[in-house]
Structure formats: structure tokens, C-alpha cells
Amino acid sequence: MRKLVVQIKGMECEGCVLNVTNRLKRIKGILNINVNLNEGLAYLDVNDKADLSKIEKEIREKINSAGYLVGEIREL
């Protein structure tokens, strides 16, 4: 399993966290999600066999379309 950290700007409340979490759940290959409002980060566990470039693209599309801004995405 690989771990990603995603910077998400614009989250202001627990409703935002729930919205981001629900959008990330729709991405095939993401196994576990932990969105931290105070840090503005999402911690993701990703399937080893998943195409990371495809997942990163989907993350940006789904989160940006919800009105948030995805910053850096990095692997731990």
C-alpha cells in the first residue's frame, strides 16, 4: 500500500471534510481516507497496483470541481 498526502485549500468546516471525503471515496484505488480540517490535508492509502498519475488527476478533478483547491500531492 502506498500513502499520499494531498493539500486541500478552502475547507472551512466539518461539512467540507465530509464533502471532500465523499468525493475521494469515488476514486477507484483509494483504500482509506483521513481528511484533517486543521492541517488542510487528506491522508490517503492507495492500492499498490493503482496508477498514481491517474489517481492524482482524478483527485484534482473531483476536489477542484467541488470548489476547493488541490495544492501539492506527495507520496510518503
N, C-alpha and C. Protein backbone atom coordinates (compact mmCIF):
# COMPACT_ATOMS: atom_id res chain seq x y z
N MET A 1 0.84 -1.17 0.00
CA MET A 1 0.00 0.00 0.00
C MET A 1 0.89 1.25 0.00
N ARG A 2 0.51 2.22 -0.81
CA ARG A 2 1.23 3.49 -0.84
C ARG A 2 0.40 4.54 -0.13
N LYS A 3 1.09 5.54 0.38
CA LYS A 3 0.42 6.61 1.11
C LYS A 3 0.64 7.94 0.40
N LEU A 4 -0.46 8.68 0.23
CA LEU A 4 -0.40 10.01 -0.37
C LEU A 4 -0.88 11.04 0.64
N VAL A 5 -0.31 12.24 0.54
CA VAL A 5 -0.78 13.38 1.30
C VAL A 5 -1.19 14.44 0.28
N VAL A 6 -2.42 14.93 0.42
CA VAL A 6 -2.98 15.89 -0.52
C VAL A 6 -3.29 17.18 0.22
N GLN A 7 -2.73 18.29 -0.26
CA GLN A 7 -3.04 19.59 0.32
C GLN A 7 -4.34 20.09 -0.31
N ILE A 8 -5.29 20.48 0.54
CA ILE A 8 -6.59 20.96 0.07
C ILE A 8 -6.88 22.31 0.72
N LYS A 9 -7.02 23.33 -0.11
CA LYS A 9 -7.28 24.68 0.39
C LYS A 9 -8.77 25.00 0.23
N GLY A 10 -9.31 25.72 1.19
CA GLY A 10 -10.69 26.17 1.11
C GLY A 10 -11.66 25.44 2.00
N MET A 11 -11.20 24.44 2.72
CA MET A 11 -12.09 23.74 3.66
C MET A 11 -12.24 24.59 4.91
N GLU A 12 -13.49 24.80 5.35
CA GLU A 12 -13.73 25.67 6.49
C GLU A 12 -14.51 25.01 7.63
N CYS A 13 -15.09 23.83 7.38
CA CYS A 13 -15.92 23.21 8.42
C CYS A 13 -15.95 21.69 8.23
N GLU A 14 -16.62 21.02 9.18
CA GLU A 14 -16.73 19.56 9.08
C GLU A 14 -17.56 19.13 7.88
N GLY A 15 -18.48 20.00 7.44
CA GLY A 15 -19.23 19.70 6.23
C GLY A 15 -18.31 19.63 5.00
N CYS A 16 -17.32 20.50 4.98
CA CYS A 16 -16.33 20.47 3.90
C CYS A 16 -15.54 19.16 3.94
N VAL A 17 -15.16 18.75 5.14
CA VAL A 17 -14.42 17.49 5.30
C VAL A 17 -15.25 16.32 4.77
N LEU A 18 -16.52 16.29 5.11
CA LEU A 18 -17.41 15.23 4.65
C LEU A 18 -17.55 15.26 3.13
N ASN A 19 -17.71 16.45 2.56
CA ASN A 19 -17.82 16.59 1.12
C ASN A 19 -16.56 16.07 0.42
N VAL A 20 -15.39 16.48 0.89
CA VAL A 20 -14.12 16.04 0.30
C VAL A 20 -13.98 14.53 0.44
N THR A 21 -14.28 14.00 1.62
CA THR A 21 -14.17 12.56 1.87
C THR A 21 -15.07 11.78 0.92
N ASN A 22 -16.30 12.23 0.76
CA ASN A 22 -17.23 11.53 -0.13
C ASN A 22 -16.77 11.56 -1.58
N ARG A 23 -16.19 12.65 -2.01
CA ARG A 23 -15.68 12.73 -3.38
C ARG A 23 -14.47 11.81 -3.58
N LEU A 24 -13.61 11.75 -2.57
CA LEU A 24 -12.43 10.88 -2.68
C LEU A 24 -12.82 9.41 -2.67
N LYS A 25 -13.90 9.07 -1.98
CA LYS A 25 -14.36 7.68 -1.93
C LYS A 25 -14.75 7.15 -3.31
N ARG A 26 -15.08 8.04 -4.22
CA ARG A 26 -15.49 7.64 -5.56
C ARG A 26 -14.33 7.27 -6.48
N ILE A 27 -13.12 7.46 -6.00
CA ILE A 27 -11.94 7.20 -6.83
C ILE A 27 -11.45 5.78 -6.60
N LYS A 28 -11.47 5.00 -7.66
CA LYS A 28 -11.02 3.61 -7.59
C LYS A 28 -9.53 3.57 -7.27
N GLY A 29 -9.16 2.73 -6.31
CA GLY A 29 -7.76 2.58 -5.93
C GLY A 29 -7.43 3.22 -4.60
N ILE A 30 -8.30 4.12 -4.11
CA ILE A 30 -8.09 4.71 -2.79
C ILE A 30 -8.77 3.80 -1.77
N LEU A 31 -7.98 3.33 -0.81
CA LEU A 31 -8.47 2.35 0.16
C LEU A 31 -8.95 2.99 1.46
N ASN A 32 -8.20 3.96 1.97
CA ASN A 32 -8.54 4.63 3.23
C ASN A 32 -8.34 6.12 3.07
N ILE A 33 -9.18 6.90 3.75
CA ILE A 33 -9.15 8.35 3.64
C ILE A 33 -9.25 8.96 5.04
N ASN A 34 -8.36 9.92 5.32
CA ASN A 34 -8.43 10.69 6.56
C ASN A 34 -8.19 12.15 6.20
N VAL A 35 -9.25 12.96 6.26
CA VAL A 35 -9.15 14.38 5.93
C VAL A 35 -9.05 15.16 7.23
N ASN A 36 -8.00 15.98 7.35
CA ASN A 36 -7.75 16.77 8.55
C ASN A 36 -8.03 18.24 8.25
N LEU A 37 -9.10 18.77 8.83
CA LEU A 37 -9.51 20.16 8.59
C LEU A 37 -8.45 21.15 9.05
N ASN A 38 -7.90 20.96 10.25
CA ASN A 38 -6.93 21.91 10.81
C ASN A 38 -5.65 21.98 9.98
N GLU A 39 -5.21 20.86 9.44
CA GLU A 39 -3.99 20.83 8.63
C GLU A 39 -4.27 21.18 7.17
N GLY A 40 -5.53 21.02 6.74
CA GLY A 40 -5.85 21.22 5.33
C GLY A 40 -5.25 20.13 4.47
N LEU A 41 -5.20 18.93 5.03
CA LEU A 41 -4.57 17.80 4.33
C LEU A 41 -5.50 16.59 4.32
N ALA A 42 -5.36 15.80 3.27
CA ALA A 42 -6.02 14.50 3.21
C ALA A 42 -4.93 13.44 3.14
N TYR A 43 -5.03 12.45 4.00
CA TYR A 43 -4.09 11.33 4.03
C TYR A 43 -4.79 10.14 3.39
N LEU A 44 -4.18 9.60 2.35
CA LEU A 44 -4.81 8.53 1.59
C LEU A 44 -3.93 7.30 1.53
N ASP A 45 -4.55 6.13 1.69
CA ASP A 45 -3.89 4.86 1.43
C ASP A 45 -4.36 4.41 0.05
N VAL A 46 -3.40 4.11 -0.82
CA VAL A 46 -3.70 3.78 -2.21
C VAL A 46 -3.20 2.38 -2.52
N ASN A 47 -4.00 1.65 -3.27
CA ASN A 47 -3.64 0.31 -3.71
C ASN A 47 -2.30 0.34 -4.46
N ASP A 48 -1.44 -0.61 -4.16
CA ASP A 48 -0.11 -0.68 -4.81
C ASP A 48 -0.21 -0.78 -6.33
N LYS A 49 -1.26 -1.40 -6.82
CA LYS A 49 -1.39 -1.63 -8.26
C LYS A 49 -2.04 -0.46 -8.99
N ALA A 50 -2.49 0.54 -8.25
CA ALA A 50 -3.18 1.68 -8.85
C ALA A 50 -2.20 2.58 -9.61
N ASP A 51 -2.69 3.20 -10.65
CA ASP A 51 -1.92 4.16 -11.45
C ASP A 51 -1.96 5.51 -10.74
N LEU A 52 -0.84 5.89 -10.11
CA LEU A 52 -0.82 7.11 -9.31
C LEU A 52 -1.10 8.36 -10.13
N SER A 53 -0.62 8.43 -11.34
CA SER A 53 -0.86 9.63 -12.15
C SER A 53 -2.35 9.78 -12.45
N LYS A 54 -3.03 8.67 -12.68
CA LYS A 54 -4.47 8.70 -12.93
C LYS A 54 -5.23 9.11 -11.66
N ILE A 55 -4.81 8.57 -10.53
CA ILE A 55 -5.45 8.91 -9.26
C ILE A 55 -5.25 10.39 -8.93
N GLU A 56 -4.05 10.90 -9.13
CA GLU A 56 -3.78 12.31 -8.87
C GLU A 56 -4.66 13.20 -9.74
N LYS A 57 -4.81 12.84 -10.99
CA LYS A 57 -5.66 13.61 -11.91
C LYS A 57 -7.11 13.60 -11.43
N GLU A 58 -7.59 12.43 -11.02
CA GLU A 58 -8.97 12.32 -10.53
C GLU A 58 -9.17 13.11 -9.24
N ILE A 59 -8.18 13.09 -8.36
CA ILE A 59 -8.26 13.86 -7.11
C ILE A 59 -8.45 15.34 -7.44
N ARG A 60 -7.60 15.84 -8.33
CA ARG A 60 -7.69 17.27 -8.69
C ARG A 60 -9.05 17.59 -9.31
N GLU A 61 -9.52 16.75 -10.21
CA GLU A 61 -10.81 17.00 -10.87
C GLU A 61 -11.96 17.01 -9.87
N LYS A 62 -12.03 15.99 -9.03
CA LYS A 62 -13.17 15.86 -8.11
C LYS A 62 -13.17 16.94 -7.02
N ILE A 63 -12.00 17.26 -6.49
CA ILE A 63 -11.92 18.23 -5.40
C ILE A 63 -12.05 19.66 -5.93
N ASN A 64 -11.37 19.96 -7.03
CA ASN A 64 -11.47 21.31 -7.60
C ASN A 64 -12.89 21.61 -8.07
N SER A 65 -13.57 20.61 -8.62
CA SER A 65 -14.94 20.83 -9.10
C SER A 65 -15.92 21.09 -7.94
N ALA A 66 -15.51 20.74 -6.73
CA ALA A 66 -16.35 20.98 -5.55
C ALA A 66 -16.10 22.37 -4.96
N GLY A 67 -15.17 23.12 -5.56
CA GLY A 67 -14.90 24.47 -5.09
C GLY A 67 -13.71 24.62 -4.17
N TYR A 68 -12.96 23.55 -3.99
CA TYR A 68 -11.74 23.60 -3.19
C TYR A 68 -10.55 23.64 -4.14
N LEU A 69 -9.37 23.89 -3.61
CA LEU A 69 -8.17 23.95 -4.44
C LEU A 69 -7.17 22.91 -3.96
N VAL A 70 -6.82 22.00 -4.84
CA VAL A 70 -5.81 21.00 -4.52
C VAL A 70 -4.43 21.60 -4.78
N GLY A 71 -3.59 21.54 -3.76
CA GLY A 71 -2.22 22.01 -3.89
C GLY A 71 -1.31 20.83 -4.19
N GLU A 72 -0.31 20.69 -3.38
CA GLU A 72 0.69 19.63 -3.55
C GLU A 72 0.09 18.25 -3.24
N ILE A 73 0.46 17.28 -4.06
CA ILE A 73 0.15 15.88 -3.78
C ILE A 73 1.50 15.17 -3.71
N ARG A 74 1.76 14.55 -2.58
CA ARG A 74 3.07 13.86 -2.46
C ARG A 74 2.88 12.47 -1.86
N GLU A 75 3.84 11.64 -2.18
CA GLU A 75 3.83 10.27 -1.65
C GLU A 75 4.72 10.24 -0.41
N LEU A 76 4.24 9.53 0.62
CA LEU A 76 5.04 9.37 1.85
C LEU A 76 5.92 8.16 1.75
